[in-house]
Amino acid sequence: MLSVYNLQGQIVATLVNGKLSAGSHEISFDANGLTSGVYFAHLDADGNSYTIKMSLLK
């Protein structure tokens, strides 16, 4: 699962919900409905979790 969260921990977008085949993938994220600020992208894959911090500037 690949999701985007706001600073309050609320999911603002779910970009992938399910399994993808092995290999590289590119996912587009439309942030038009979001305000400027800090967000986190969280990926759960094969029992591992990864989180990155993102800044949205408009």
PDB file of N, CA and C in Angstrom:
ATOM      1  N   MET A   1       0.841  -1.167   0.000  1.00  0.00           N
ATOM      2  CA  MET A   1       0.000   0.000   0.000  1.00  0.00           C
ATOM      3  C   MET A   1       0.893   1.238   0.000  1.00  0.00           C
ATOM      4  N   LEU A   2       0.518   2.225  -0.788  1.00  0.00           N
ATOM      5  CA  LEU A   2       1.213   3.504  -0.833  1.00  0.00           C
ATOM      6  C   LEU A   2       0.194   4.591  -0.542  1.00  0.00           C
ATOM      7  N   SER A   3       0.407   5.310   0.565  1.00  0.00           N
ATOM      8  CA  SER A   3      -0.534   6.339   0.998  1.00  0.00           C
ATOM      9  C   SER A   3       0.199   7.621   1.330  1.00  0.00           C
ATOM     10  N   VAL A   4      -0.547   8.732   1.269  1.00  0.00           N
ATOM     11  CA  VAL A   4      -0.022  10.038   1.649  1.00  0.00           C
ATOM     12  C   VAL A   4      -0.807  10.514   2.863  1.00  0.00           C
ATOM     13  N   TYR A   5      -0.069  10.986   3.881  1.00  0.00           N
ATOM     14  CA  TYR A   5      -0.659  11.434   5.141  1.00  0.00           C
ATOM     15  C   TYR A   5      -0.331  12.899   5.390  1.00  0.00           C
ATOM     16  N   ASN A   6      -1.206  13.587   6.126  1.00  0.00           N
ATOM     17  CA  ASN A   6      -0.908  14.948   6.560  1.00  0.00           C
ATOM     18  C   ASN A   6      -0.235  14.890   7.935  1.00  0.00           C
ATOM     19  N   LEU A   7       0.085  16.050   8.503  1.00  0.00           N
ATOM     20  CA  LEU A   7       0.783  16.097   9.794  1.00  0.00           C
ATOM     21  C   LEU A   7      -0.062  15.549  10.945  1.00  0.00           C
ATOM     22  N   GLN A   8      -1.373  15.529  10.783  1.00  0.00           N
ATOM     23  CA  GLN A   8      -2.256  14.984  11.818  1.00  0.00           C
ATOM     24  C   GLN A   8      -2.389  13.464  11.725  1.00  0.00           C
ATOM     25  N   GLY A   9      -1.736  12.858  10.740  1.00  0.00           N
ATOM     26  CA  GLY A   9      -1.780  11.410  10.570  1.00  0.00           C
ATOM     27  C   GLY A   9      -2.980  10.915   9.788  1.00  0.00           C
ATOM     28  N   GLN A  10      -3.711  11.827   9.159  1.00  0.00           N
ATOM     29  CA  GLN A  10      -4.880  11.457   8.358  1.00  0.00           C
ATOM     30  C   GLN A  10      -4.443  11.122   6.939  1.00  0.00           C
ATOM     31  N   ILE A  11      -5.024  10.072   6.379  1.00  0.00           N
ATOM     32  CA  ILE A  11      -4.740   9.723   4.990  1.00  0.00           C
ATOM     33  C   ILE A  11      -5.415  10.748   4.085  1.00  0.00           C
ATOM     34  N   VAL A  12      -4.628  11.389   3.225  1.00  0.00           N
ATOM     35  CA  VAL A  12      -5.188  12.347   2.269  1.00  0.00           C
ATOM     36  C   VAL A  12      -5.266  11.751   0.872  1.00  0.00           C
ATOM     37  N   ALA A  13      -4.531  10.649   0.636  1.00  0.00           N
ATOM     38  CA  ALA A  13      -4.588   9.977  -0.667  1.00  0.00           C
ATOM     39  C   ALA A  13      -4.055   8.560  -0.523  1.00  0.00           C
ATOM     40  N   THR A  14      -4.720   7.619  -1.178  1.00  0.00           N
ATOM     41  CA  THR A  14      -4.212   6.258  -1.304  1.00  0.00           C
ATOM     42  C   THR A  14      -3.860   6.067  -2.765  1.00  0.00           C
ATOM     43  N   LEU A  15      -2.572   5.912  -3.035  1.00  0.00           N
ATOM     44  CA  LEU A  15      -2.101   5.851  -4.417  1.00  0.00           C
ATOM     45  C   LEU A  15      -2.066   4.428  -4.953  1.00  0.00           C
ATOM     46  N   VAL A  16      -1.764   3.466  -4.097  1.00  0.00           N
ATOM     47  CA  VAL A  16      -1.768   2.053  -4.478  1.00  0.00           C
ATOM     48  C   VAL A  16      -2.356   1.276  -3.317  1.00  0.00           C
ATOM     49  N   ASN A  17      -3.337   0.438  -3.610  1.00  0.00           N
ATOM     50  CA  ASN A  17      -3.948  -0.400  -2.587  1.00  0.00           C
ATOM     51  C   ASN A  17      -3.970  -1.825  -3.122  1.00  0.00           C
ATOM     52  N   GLY A  18      -2.911  -2.553  -2.875  1.00  0.00           N
ATOM     53  CA  GLY A  18      -2.803  -3.910  -3.388  1.00  0.00           C
ATOM     54  C   GLY A  18      -1.386  -4.201  -3.815  1.00  0.00           C
ATOM     55  N   LYS A  19      -1.201  -5.369  -4.371  1.00  0.00           N
ATOM     56  CA  LYS A  19       0.134  -5.788  -4.783  1.00  0.00           C
ATOM     57  C   LYS A  19       0.386  -5.454  -6.243  1.00  0.00           C
ATOM     58  N   LEU A  20       1.635  -5.085  -6.526  1.00  0.00           N
ATOM     59  CA  LEU A  20       2.082  -4.872  -7.894  1.00  0.00           C
ATOM     60  C   LEU A  20       3.147  -5.910  -8.210  1.00  0.00           C
ATOM     61  N   SER A  21       3.371  -6.160  -9.464  1.00  0.00           N
ATOM     62  CA  SER A  21       4.410  -7.102  -9.866  1.00  0.00           C
ATOM     63  C   SER A  21       5.783  -6.550  -9.485  1.00  0.00           C
ATOM     64  N   ALA A  22       6.754  -7.425  -9.357  1.00  0.00           N
ATOM     65  CA  ALA A  22       8.118  -7.008  -9.035  1.00  0.00           C
ATOM     66  C   ALA A  22       8.659  -6.103 -10.128  1.00  0.00           C
ATOM     67  N   GLY A  23       9.497  -5.150  -9.737  1.00  0.00           N
ATOM     68  CA  GLY A  23      10.098  -4.252 -10.706  1.00  0.00           C
ATOM     69  C   GLY A  23       9.834  -2.802 -10.375  1.00  0.00           C
ATOM     70  N   SER A  24      10.158  -1.940 -11.284  1.00  0.00           N
ATOM     71  CA  SER A  24       9.988  -0.498 -11.092  1.00  0.00           C
ATOM     72  C   SER A  24       8.583  -0.079 -11.511  1.00  0.00           C
ATOM     73  N   HIS A  25       8.045   0.878 -10.766  1.00  0.00           N
ATOM     74  CA  HIS A  25       6.719   1.418 -11.071  1.00  0.00           C
ATOM     75  C   HIS A  25       6.746   2.923 -10.880  1.00  0.00           C
ATOM     76  N   GLU A  26       5.923   3.618 -11.642  1.00  0.00           N
ATOM     77  CA  GLU A  26       5.796   5.067 -11.513  1.00  0.00           C
ATOM     78  C   GLU A  26       4.337   5.387 -11.224  1.00  0.00           C
ATOM     79  N   ILE A  27       4.104   6.145 -10.143  1.00  0.00           N
ATOM     80  CA  ILE A  27       2.750   6.494  -9.724  1.00  0.00           C
ATOM     81  C   ILE A  27       2.632   8.011  -9.740  1.00  0.00           C
ATOM     82  N   SER A  28       1.585   8.532 -10.361  1.00  0.00           N
ATOM     83  CA  SER A  28       1.336   9.976 -10.387  1.00  0.00           C
ATOM     84  C   SER A  28       0.496  10.367  -9.178  1.00  0.00           C
ATOM     85  N   PHE A  29       0.770  11.541  -8.646  1.00  0.00           N
ATOM     86  CA  PHE A  29       0.043  12.046  -7.480  1.00  0.00           C
ATOM     87  C   PHE A  29      -0.426  13.458  -7.774  1.00  0.00           C
ATOM     88  N   ASP A  30      -1.737  13.672  -7.818  1.00  0.00           N
ATOM     89  CA  ASP A  30      -2.328  14.976  -8.079  1.00  0.00           C
ATOM     90  C   ASP A  30      -2.635  15.641  -6.735  1.00  0.00           C
ATOM     91  N   ALA A  31      -1.874  16.665  -6.382  1.00  0.00           N
ATOM     92  CA  ALA A  31      -2.027  17.338  -5.090  1.00  0.00           C
ATOM     93  C   ALA A  31      -2.830  18.628  -5.204  1.00  0.00           C
ATOM     94  N   ASN A  32      -3.609  18.785  -6.255  1.00  0.00           N
ATOM     95  CA  ASN A  32      -4.381  20.018  -6.453  1.00  0.00           C
ATOM     96  C   ASN A  32      -5.335  20.322  -5.305  1.00  0.00           C
ATOM     97  N   GLY A  33      -5.893  19.325  -4.673  1.00  0.00           N
ATOM     98  CA  GLY A  33      -6.855  19.545  -3.603  1.00  0.00           C
ATOM     99  C   GLY A  33      -6.228  19.752  -2.235  1.00  0.00           C
ATOM    100  N   LEU A  34      -4.905  19.775  -2.168  1.00  0.00           N
ATOM    101  CA  LEU A  34      -4.215  19.917  -0.882  1.00  0.00           C
ATOM    102  C   LEU A  34      -3.647  21.316  -0.723  1.00  0.00           C
ATOM    103  N   THR A  35      -3.484  21.740   0.512  1.00  0.00           N
ATOM    104  CA  THR A  35      -2.870  23.033   0.791  1.00  0.00           C
ATOM    105  C   THR A  35      -1.361  22.860   0.921  1.00  0.00           C
ATOM    106  N   SER A  36      -0.640  23.960   0.840  1.00  0.00           N
ATOM    107  CA  SER A  36       0.806  23.916   1.064  1.00  0.00           C
ATOM    108  C   SER A  36       1.083  23.394   2.467  1.00  0.00           C
ATOM    109  N   GLY A  37       2.142  22.628   2.598  1.00  0.00           N
ATOM    110  CA  GLY A  37       2.490  22.098   3.908  1.00  0.00           C
ATOM    111  C   GLY A  37       3.351  20.863   3.796  1.00  0.00           C
ATOM    112  N   VAL A  38       3.477  20.167   4.923  1.00  0.00           N
ATOM    113  CA  VAL A  38       4.298  18.963   5.006  1.00  0.00           C
ATOM    114  C   VAL A  38       3.385  17.739   4.964  1.00  0.00           C
ATOM    115  N   TYR A  39       3.780  16.759   4.166  1.00  0.00           N
ATOM    116  CA  TYR A  39       3.052  15.502   4.027  1.00  0.00           C
ATOM    117  C   TYR A  39       4.046  14.351   4.091  1.00  0.00           C
ATOM    118  N   PHE A  40       3.535  13.163   4.325  1.00  0.00           N
ATOM    119  CA  PHE A  40       4.371  11.975   4.385  1.00  0.00           C
ATOM    120  C   PHE A  40       3.828  10.924   3.424  1.00  0.00           C
ATOM    121  N   ALA A  41       4.712  10.324   2.645  1.00  0.00           N
ATOM    122  CA  ALA A  41       4.346   9.193   1.794  1.00  0.00           C
ATOM    123  C   ALA A  41       4.813   7.941   2.520  1.00  0.00           C
ATOM    124  N   HIS A  42       3.911   6.985   2.690  1.00  0.00           N
ATOM    125  CA  HIS A  42       4.226   5.761   3.421  1.00  0.00           C
ATOM    126  C   HIS A  42       3.963   4.553   2.521  1.00  0.00           C
ATOM    127  N   LEU A  43       4.977   3.709   2.396  1.00  0.00           N
ATOM    128  CA  LEU A  43       4.899   2.507   1.560  1.00  0.00           C
ATOM    129  C   LEU A  43       5.094   1.271   2.430  1.00  0.00           C
ATOM    130  N   ASP A  44       4.174   0.321   2.335  1.00  0.00           N
ATOM    131  CA  ASP A  44       4.316  -1.003   2.949  1.00  0.00           C
ATOM    132  C   ASP A  44       4.536  -1.988   1.818  1.00  0.00           C
ATOM    133  N   ALA A  45       5.685  -2.689   1.855  1.00  0.00           N
ATOM    134  CA  ALA A  45       6.005  -3.629   0.785  1.00  0.00           C
ATOM    135  C   ALA A  45       6.755  -4.825   1.350  1.00  0.00           C
ATOM    136  N   ASP A  46       6.222  -6.001   1.125  1.00  0.00           N
ATOM    137  CA  ASP A  46       6.872  -7.259   1.532  1.00  0.00           C
ATOM    138  C   ASP A  46       7.329  -7.247   2.983  1.00  0.00           C
ATOM    139  N   GLY A  47       6.492  -6.758   3.881  1.00  0.00           N
ATOM    140  CA  GLY A  47       6.813  -6.756   5.302  1.00  0.00           C
ATOM    141  C   GLY A  47       7.724  -5.617   5.730  1.00  0.00           C
ATOM    142  N   ASN A  48       8.102  -4.747   4.821  1.00  0.00           N
ATOM    143  CA  ASN A  48       8.929  -3.585   5.139  1.00  0.00           C
ATOM    144  C   ASN A  48       8.100  -2.317   4.999  1.00  0.00           C
ATOM    145  N   SER A  49       8.442  -1.309   5.803  1.00  0.00           N
ATOM    146  CA  SER A  49       7.755  -0.024   5.744  1.00  0.00           C
ATOM    147  C   SER A  49       8.760   1.080   5.465  1.00  0.00           C
ATOM    148  N   TYR A  50       8.373   2.000   4.606  1.00  0.00           N
ATOM    149  CA  TYR A  50       9.217   3.133   4.246  1.00  0.00           C
ATOM    150  C   TYR A  50       8.367   4.396   4.301  1.00  0.00           C
ATOM    151  N   THR A  51       8.914   5.461   4.885  1.00  0.00           N
ATOM    152  CA  THR A  51       8.212   6.737   4.962  1.00  0.00           C
ATOM    153  C   THR A  51       9.160   7.846   4.529  1.00  0.00           C
ATOM    154  N   ILE A  52       8.655   8.751   3.684  1.00  0.00           N
ATOM    155  CA  ILE A  52       9.438   9.922   3.309  1.00  0.00           C
ATOM    156  C   ILE A  52       8.615  11.169   3.613  1.00  0.00           C
ATOM    157  N   LYS A  53       9.312  12.230   3.931  1.00  0.00           N
ATOM    158  CA  LYS A  53       8.704  13.519   4.201  1.00  0.00           C
ATOM    159  C   LYS A  53       8.702  14.325   2.908  1.00  0.00           C
ATOM    160  N   MET A  54       7.575  15.004   2.637  1.00  0.00           N
ATOM    161  CA  MET A  54       7.441  15.801   1.420  1.00  0.00           C
ATOM    162  C   MET A  54       6.941  17.181   1.782  1.00  0.00           C
ATOM    163  N   SER A  55       7.429  18.197   1.087  1.00  0.00           N
ATOM    164  CA  SER A  55       6.939  19.557   1.249  1.00  0.00           C
ATOM    165  C   SER A  55       6.184  19.947   0.001  1.00  0.00           C
ATOM    166  N   LEU A  56       4.961  20.437   0.181  1.00  0.00           N
ATOM    167  CA  LEU A  56       4.146  20.899  -0.935  1.00  0.00           C
ATOM    168  C   LEU A  56       4.098  22.410  -0.889  1.00  0.00           C
ATOM    169  N   LEU A  57       4.582  23.045  -1.937  1.00  0.00           N
ATOM    170  CA  LEU A  57       4.572  24.503  -2.033  1.00  0.00           C
ATOM    171  C   LEU A  57       3.719  24.920  -3.206  1.00  0.00           C
ATOM    172  N   LYS A  58       2.795  25.804  -2.964  1.00  0.00           N
ATOM    173  CA  LYS A  58       1.921  26.289  -4.047  1.00  0.00           C
ATOM    174  C   LYS A  58       2.110  27.772  -4.232  1.00  0.00           C
TER     175      LYS A  58
END
